[in-house]
Amino acid sequence: MCHSGTRSAIGLMTVPKLPVACWLALRQRLGTYAFVVVIAVCPVAARADLPSDHGIDAARVRAERLPAWGTDGRVLYSTCTFPDFVNAIAFVNRLVAPAETRGHHPDLAISYNRLEIALTTHEAGGLTELDFALAEDIADLIANAEDLSPTCKPHR
């Protein structure tokens, strides 16, 4: 149902311009909740596609500018090591606010004091602007987490 054509701004979200017939069908079927459903059905609409538009090399170049992040062109990766489990969990808790603010959530794997972070936009099948924005937020958290003593590096 999502249309990959041009986009238009509605409120704070960006949604694809759908053919009128799609809007009418949604409206008829779902009533006043059509707008909300379009956002839920088309989450990629607010996310620019990096892999297809810029290529894997562009994603790698951009990832190199982010401290502690690497990429395979489809996923951004970082691994952080902390002095102990408590500090690792405390850092994970700090990830909640930026993830919720952006409506985008990292894949996390934790093993005692080691935290692996992966960012990709599953709906888009790879990296988007949202992944890089959240990686920048996380890089800022890492830089300001001296109290937790993280050591972070790309892991792939």
C-alpha atoms as a PDB file:
ATOM      1  CA  MET A   1       0.000   0.000   0.000  1.00  0.00           C
ATOM      2  CA  CYS A   2       2.939   2.361   0.576  1.00  0.00           C
ATOM      3  CA  HIS A   3       3.855   4.462  -2.395  1.00  0.00           C
ATOM      4  CA  SER A   4       7.505   5.325  -3.004  1.00  0.00           C
ATOM      5  CA  GLY A   5       6.728   8.584  -4.805  1.00  0.00           C
ATOM      6  CA  THR A   6       7.131  12.110  -3.537  1.00  0.00           C
ATOM      7  CA  ARG A   7       6.520  12.999   0.079  1.00  0.00           C
ATOM      8  CA  SER A   8       4.521  15.685   1.804  1.00  0.00           C
ATOM      9  CA  ALA A   9       4.756  17.001   5.360  1.00  0.00           C
ATOM     10  CA  ILE A  10       1.800  16.512   7.671  1.00  0.00           C
ATOM     11  CA  GLY A  11       2.405  17.815  11.172  1.00  0.00           C
ATOM     12  CA  LEU A  12       5.791  16.581  12.318  1.00  0.00           C
ATOM     13  CA  MET A  13       5.723  13.414  10.228  1.00  0.00           C
ATOM     14  CA  THR A  14       6.519  12.926   6.555  1.00  0.00           C
ATOM     15  CA  VAL A  15       4.279  10.589   4.628  1.00  0.00           C
ATOM     16  CA  PRO A  16       4.255   9.462   1.029  1.00  0.00           C
ATOM     17  CA  LYS A  17       1.741  11.034  -1.313  1.00  0.00           C
ATOM     18  CA  LEU A  18      -0.724   8.263  -1.901  1.00  0.00           C
ATOM     19  CA  PRO A  19      -3.127   8.138  -4.811  1.00  0.00           C
ATOM     20  CA  VAL A  20      -6.510   9.569  -3.867  1.00  0.00           C
ATOM     21  CA  ALA A  21      -8.080   6.143  -4.308  1.00  0.00           C
ATOM     22  CA  CYS A  22      -5.782   4.768  -1.558  1.00  0.00           C
ATOM     23  CA  TRP A  23      -6.734   7.556   0.836  1.00  0.00           C
ATOM     24  CA  LEU A  24     -10.432   7.067   0.108  1.00  0.00           C
ATOM     25  CA  ALA A  25     -10.172   3.305   0.576  1.00  0.00           C
ATOM     26  CA  LEU A  26      -8.330   3.773   3.885  1.00  0.00           C
ATOM     27  CA  ARG A  27     -10.779   6.413   5.046  1.00  0.00           C
ATOM     28  CA  GLN A  28     -13.786   4.285   4.121  1.00  0.00           C
ATOM     29  CA  ARG A  29     -12.338   1.182   5.741  1.00  0.00           C
ATOM     30  CA  LEU A  30     -10.797   2.743   8.842  1.00  0.00           C
ATOM     31  CA  GLY A  31     -12.693   5.950   9.469  1.00  0.00           C
ATOM     32  CA  THR A  32     -10.942   8.742  11.325  1.00  0.00           C
ATOM     33  CA  TYR A  33      -7.920   6.585  12.146  1.00  0.00           C
ATOM     34  CA  ALA A  34      -6.715   6.417   8.548  1.00  0.00           C
ATOM     35  CA  PHE A  35      -3.846   8.858   9.142  1.00  0.00           C
ATOM     36  CA  VAL A  36      -2.528   6.885  12.100  1.00  0.00           C
ATOM     37  CA  VAL A  37      -2.713   3.639  10.157  1.00  0.00           C
ATOM     38  CA  VAL A  38      -0.817   5.122   7.215  1.00  0.00           C
ATOM     39  CA  ILE A  39       1.996   6.113   9.570  1.00  0.00           C
ATOM     40  CA  ALA A  40       2.007   2.611  11.067  1.00  0.00           C
ATOM     41  CA  VAL A  41       1.821   0.848   7.707  1.00  0.00           C
ATOM     42  CA  CYS A  42       4.393   3.122   6.038  1.00  0.00           C
ATOM     43  CA  PRO A  43       7.061   3.824   8.689  1.00  0.00           C
ATOM     44  CA  VAL A  44       9.714   4.165   5.985  1.00  0.00           C
ATOM     45  CA  ALA A  45       8.024   7.337   4.787  1.00  0.00           C
ATOM     46  CA  ALA A  46       9.889   9.472   7.316  1.00  0.00           C
ATOM     47  CA  ARG A  47      13.202   7.808   6.546  1.00  0.00           C
ATOM     48  CA  ALA A  48      15.405   8.569   3.565  1.00  0.00           C
ATOM     49  CA  ASP A  49      16.933   5.454   2.000  1.00  0.00           C
ATOM     50  CA  LEU A  50      20.712   5.467   2.122  1.00  0.00           C
ATOM     51  CA  PRO A  51      21.620   2.101   0.618  1.00  0.00           C
ATOM     52  CA  SER A  52      19.730   2.545  -2.627  1.00  0.00           C
ATOM     53  CA  ASP A  53      20.313   6.282  -3.033  1.00  0.00           C
ATOM     54  CA  HIS A  54      23.910   6.575  -1.908  1.00  0.00           C
ATOM     55  CA  GLY A  55      25.333   3.086  -1.961  1.00  0.00           C
ATOM     56  CA  ILE A  56      27.256   0.999   0.507  1.00  0.00           C
ATOM     57  CA  ASP A  57      30.449   3.033   0.079  1.00  0.00           C
ATOM     58  CA  ALA A  58      28.668   6.221   1.107  1.00  0.00           C
ATOM     59  CA  ALA A  59      27.336   4.448   4.203  1.00  0.00           C
ATOM     60  CA  ARG A  60      30.874   3.331   5.109  1.00  0.00           C
ATOM     61  CA  VAL A  61      32.278   6.833   4.642  1.00  0.00           C
ATOM     62  CA  ARG A  62      29.531   8.278   6.797  1.00  0.00           C
ATOM     63  CA  ALA A  63      30.012   5.622   9.494  1.00  0.00           C
ATOM     64  CA  GLU A  64      33.744   6.433   9.645  1.00  0.00           C
ATOM     65  CA  ARG A  65      32.800   9.927  10.811  1.00  0.00           C
ATOM     66  CA  LEU A  66      30.973   8.462  13.807  1.00  0.00           C
ATOM     67  CA  PRO A  67      33.240   7.532  16.695  1.00  0.00           C
ATOM     68  CA  ALA A  68      33.035   3.825  17.584  1.00  0.00           C
ATOM     69  CA  TRP A  69      30.740   2.862  14.682  1.00  0.00           C
ATOM     70  CA  GLY A  70      31.320   0.577  11.724  1.00  0.00           C
ATOM     71  CA  THR A  71      29.070  -0.761   8.995  1.00  0.00           C
ATOM     72  CA  ASP A  72      28.682  -3.505   6.457  1.00  0.00           C
ATOM     73  CA  GLY A  73      26.593  -1.103   4.378  1.00  0.00           C
ATOM     74  CA  ARG A  74      23.273  -2.420   5.734  1.00  0.00           C
ATOM     75  CA  VAL A  75      23.757  -2.165   9.524  1.00  0.00           C
ATOM     76  CA  LEU A  76      25.693   0.191  11.825  1.00  0.00           C
ATOM     77  CA  TYR A  77      27.582  -1.661  14.579  1.00  0.00           C
ATOM     78  CA  SER A  78      29.282  -0.677  17.824  1.00  0.00           C
ATOM     79  CA  THR A  79      30.526  -2.691  20.793  1.00  0.00           C
ATOM     80  CA  CYS A  80      31.008  -1.099  24.207  1.00  0.00           C
ATOM     81  CA  THR A  81      32.779  -2.667  27.147  1.00  0.00           C
ATOM     82  CA  PHE A  82      32.143  -1.445  30.695  1.00  0.00           C
ATOM     83  CA  PRO A  83      33.864  -2.185  34.002  1.00  0.00           C
ATOM     84  CA  ASP A  84      30.905  -4.331  35.098  1.00  0.00           C
ATOM     85  CA  PHE A  85      27.328  -5.415  34.432  1.00  0.00           C
ATOM     86  CA  VAL A  86      25.809  -2.557  36.456  1.00  0.00           C
ATOM     87  CA  ASN A  87      27.501   0.097  34.302  1.00  0.00           C
ATOM     88  CA  ALA A  88      26.515  -1.727  31.099  1.00  0.00           C
ATOM     89  CA  ILE A  89      22.853  -1.787  32.152  1.00  0.00           C
ATOM     90  CA  ALA A  90      23.026   1.849  33.274  1.00  0.00           C
ATOM     91  CA  PHE A  91      24.204   2.775  29.766  1.00  0.00           C
ATOM     92  CA  VAL A  92      21.414   0.738  28.161  1.00  0.00           C
ATOM     93  CA  ASN A  93      18.951   2.699  30.287  1.00  0.00           C
ATOM     94  CA  ARG A  94      20.398   5.937  28.898  1.00  0.00           C
ATOM     95  CA  LEU A  95      19.664   4.700  25.368  1.00  0.00           C
ATOM     96  CA  VAL A  96      15.930   4.679  26.055  1.00  0.00           C
ATOM     97  CA  ALA A  97      15.327   8.452  25.799  1.00  0.00           C
ATOM     98  CA  PRO A  98      16.938   9.074  22.393  1.00  0.00           C
ATOM     99  CA  ALA A  99      15.463   5.852  20.976  1.00  0.00           C
ATOM    100  CA  GLU A 100      11.970   6.794  22.121  1.00  0.00           C
ATOM    101  CA  THR A 101      12.393  10.394  20.946  1.00  0.00           C
ATOM    102  CA  ARG A 102      13.287   9.218  17.448  1.00  0.00           C
ATOM    103  CA  GLY A 103      10.814   6.339  17.456  1.00  0.00           C
ATOM    104  CA  HIS A 104      13.657   4.059  16.419  1.00  0.00           C
ATOM    105  CA  HIS A 105      15.153   1.340  18.575  1.00  0.00           C
ATOM    106  CA  PRO A 106      18.567  -0.313  18.381  1.00  0.00           C
ATOM    107  CA  ASP A 107      19.091  -4.038  18.455  1.00  0.00           C
ATOM    108  CA  LEU A 108      21.012  -4.729  21.661  1.00  0.00           C
ATOM    109  CA  ALA A 109      22.928  -7.759  22.877  1.00  0.00           C
ATOM    110  CA  ILE A 110      24.426  -7.723  26.348  1.00  0.00           C
ATOM    111  CA  SER A 111      26.767 -10.210  27.926  1.00  0.00           C
ATOM    112  CA  TYR A 112      27.888  -9.189  31.401  1.00  0.00           C
ATOM    113  CA  ASN A 113      29.941  -6.035  30.712  1.00  0.00           C
ATOM    114  CA  ARG A 114      29.824  -6.111  26.902  1.00  0.00           C
ATOM    115  CA  LEU A 115      27.094  -4.343  24.940  1.00  0.00           C
ATOM    116  CA  GLU A 116      26.675  -4.816  21.190  1.00  0.00           C
ATOM    117  CA  ILE A 117      24.560  -2.188  19.446  1.00  0.00           C
ATOM    118  CA  ALA A 118      23.200  -2.604  15.920  1.00  0.00           C
ATOM    119  CA  LEU A 119      21.180  -0.029  14.008  1.00  0.00           C
ATOM    120  CA  THR A 120      19.222  -0.692  10.827  1.00  0.00           C
ATOM    121  CA  THR A 121      15.786   0.170   9.554  1.00  0.00           C
ATOM    122  CA  HIS A 122      14.150  -3.215   9.073  1.00  0.00           C
ATOM    123  CA  GLU A 123      11.238  -1.775   7.073  1.00  0.00           C
ATOM    124  CA  ALA A 124      13.667  -0.247   4.557  1.00  0.00           C
ATOM    125  CA  GLY A 125      15.903  -3.298   4.421  1.00  0.00           C
ATOM    126  CA  GLY A 126      18.998  -1.348   5.447  1.00  0.00           C
ATOM    127  CA  LEU A 127      20.374   1.958   6.632  1.00  0.00           C
ATOM    128  CA  THR A 128      18.416   5.190   6.610  1.00  0.00           C
ATOM    129  CA  GLU A 129      18.973   8.716   7.871  1.00  0.00           C
ATOM    130  CA  LEU A 130      17.261   7.675  11.095  1.00  0.00           C
ATOM    131  CA  ASP A 131      19.961   5.076  11.811  1.00  0.00           C
ATOM    132  CA  PHE A 132      22.726   7.645  11.416  1.00  0.00           C
ATOM    133  CA  ALA A 133      20.855  10.198  13.533  1.00  0.00           C
ATOM    134  CA  LEU A 134      20.416   7.685  16.359  1.00  0.00           C
ATOM    135  CA  ALA A 135      24.074   6.598  16.022  1.00  0.00           C
ATOM    136  CA  GLU A 136      25.071  10.258  16.484  1.00  0.00           C
ATOM    137  CA  ASP A 137      22.864  10.451  19.587  1.00  0.00           C
ATOM    138  CA  ILE A 138      24.468   7.291  20.973  1.00  0.00           C
ATOM    139  CA  ALA A 139      27.964   8.604  20.153  1.00  0.00           C
ATOM    140  CA  ASP A 140      27.109  11.699  22.207  1.00  0.00           C
ATOM    141  CA  LEU A 141      25.930   9.481  25.073  1.00  0.00           C
ATOM    142  CA  ILE A 142      29.191   7.537  24.920  1.00  0.00           C
ATOM    143  CA  ALA A 143      31.234  10.748  24.963  1.00  0.00           C
ATOM    144  CA  ASN A 144      29.327  11.973  28.013  1.00  0.00           C
ATOM    145  CA  ALA A 145      29.331   8.687  29.943  1.00  0.00           C
ATOM    146  CA  GLU A 146      32.659   9.091  31.725  1.00  0.00           C
ATOM    147  CA  ASP A 147      30.977   7.971  34.948  1.00  0.00           C
ATOM    148  CA  LEU A 148      30.290   4.565  33.335  1.00  0.00           C
ATOM    149  CA  SER A 149      33.760   4.209  31.752  1.00  0.00           C
ATOM    150  CA  PRO A 150      32.720   2.755  28.388  1.00  0.00           C
ATOM    151  CA  THR A 151      35.263   1.658  25.809  1.00  0.00           C
ATOM    152  CA  CYS A 152      33.505   1.500  22.455  1.00  0.00           C
ATOM    153  CA  LYS A 153      34.635   0.423  19.003  1.00  0.00           C
ATOM    154  CA  PRO A 154      33.200  -0.901  15.752  1.00  0.00           C
ATOM    155  CA  HIS A 155      32.795  -4.664  15.977  1.00  0.00           C
ATOM    156  CA  ARG A 156      32.300  -5.654  12.351  1.00  0.00           C
END
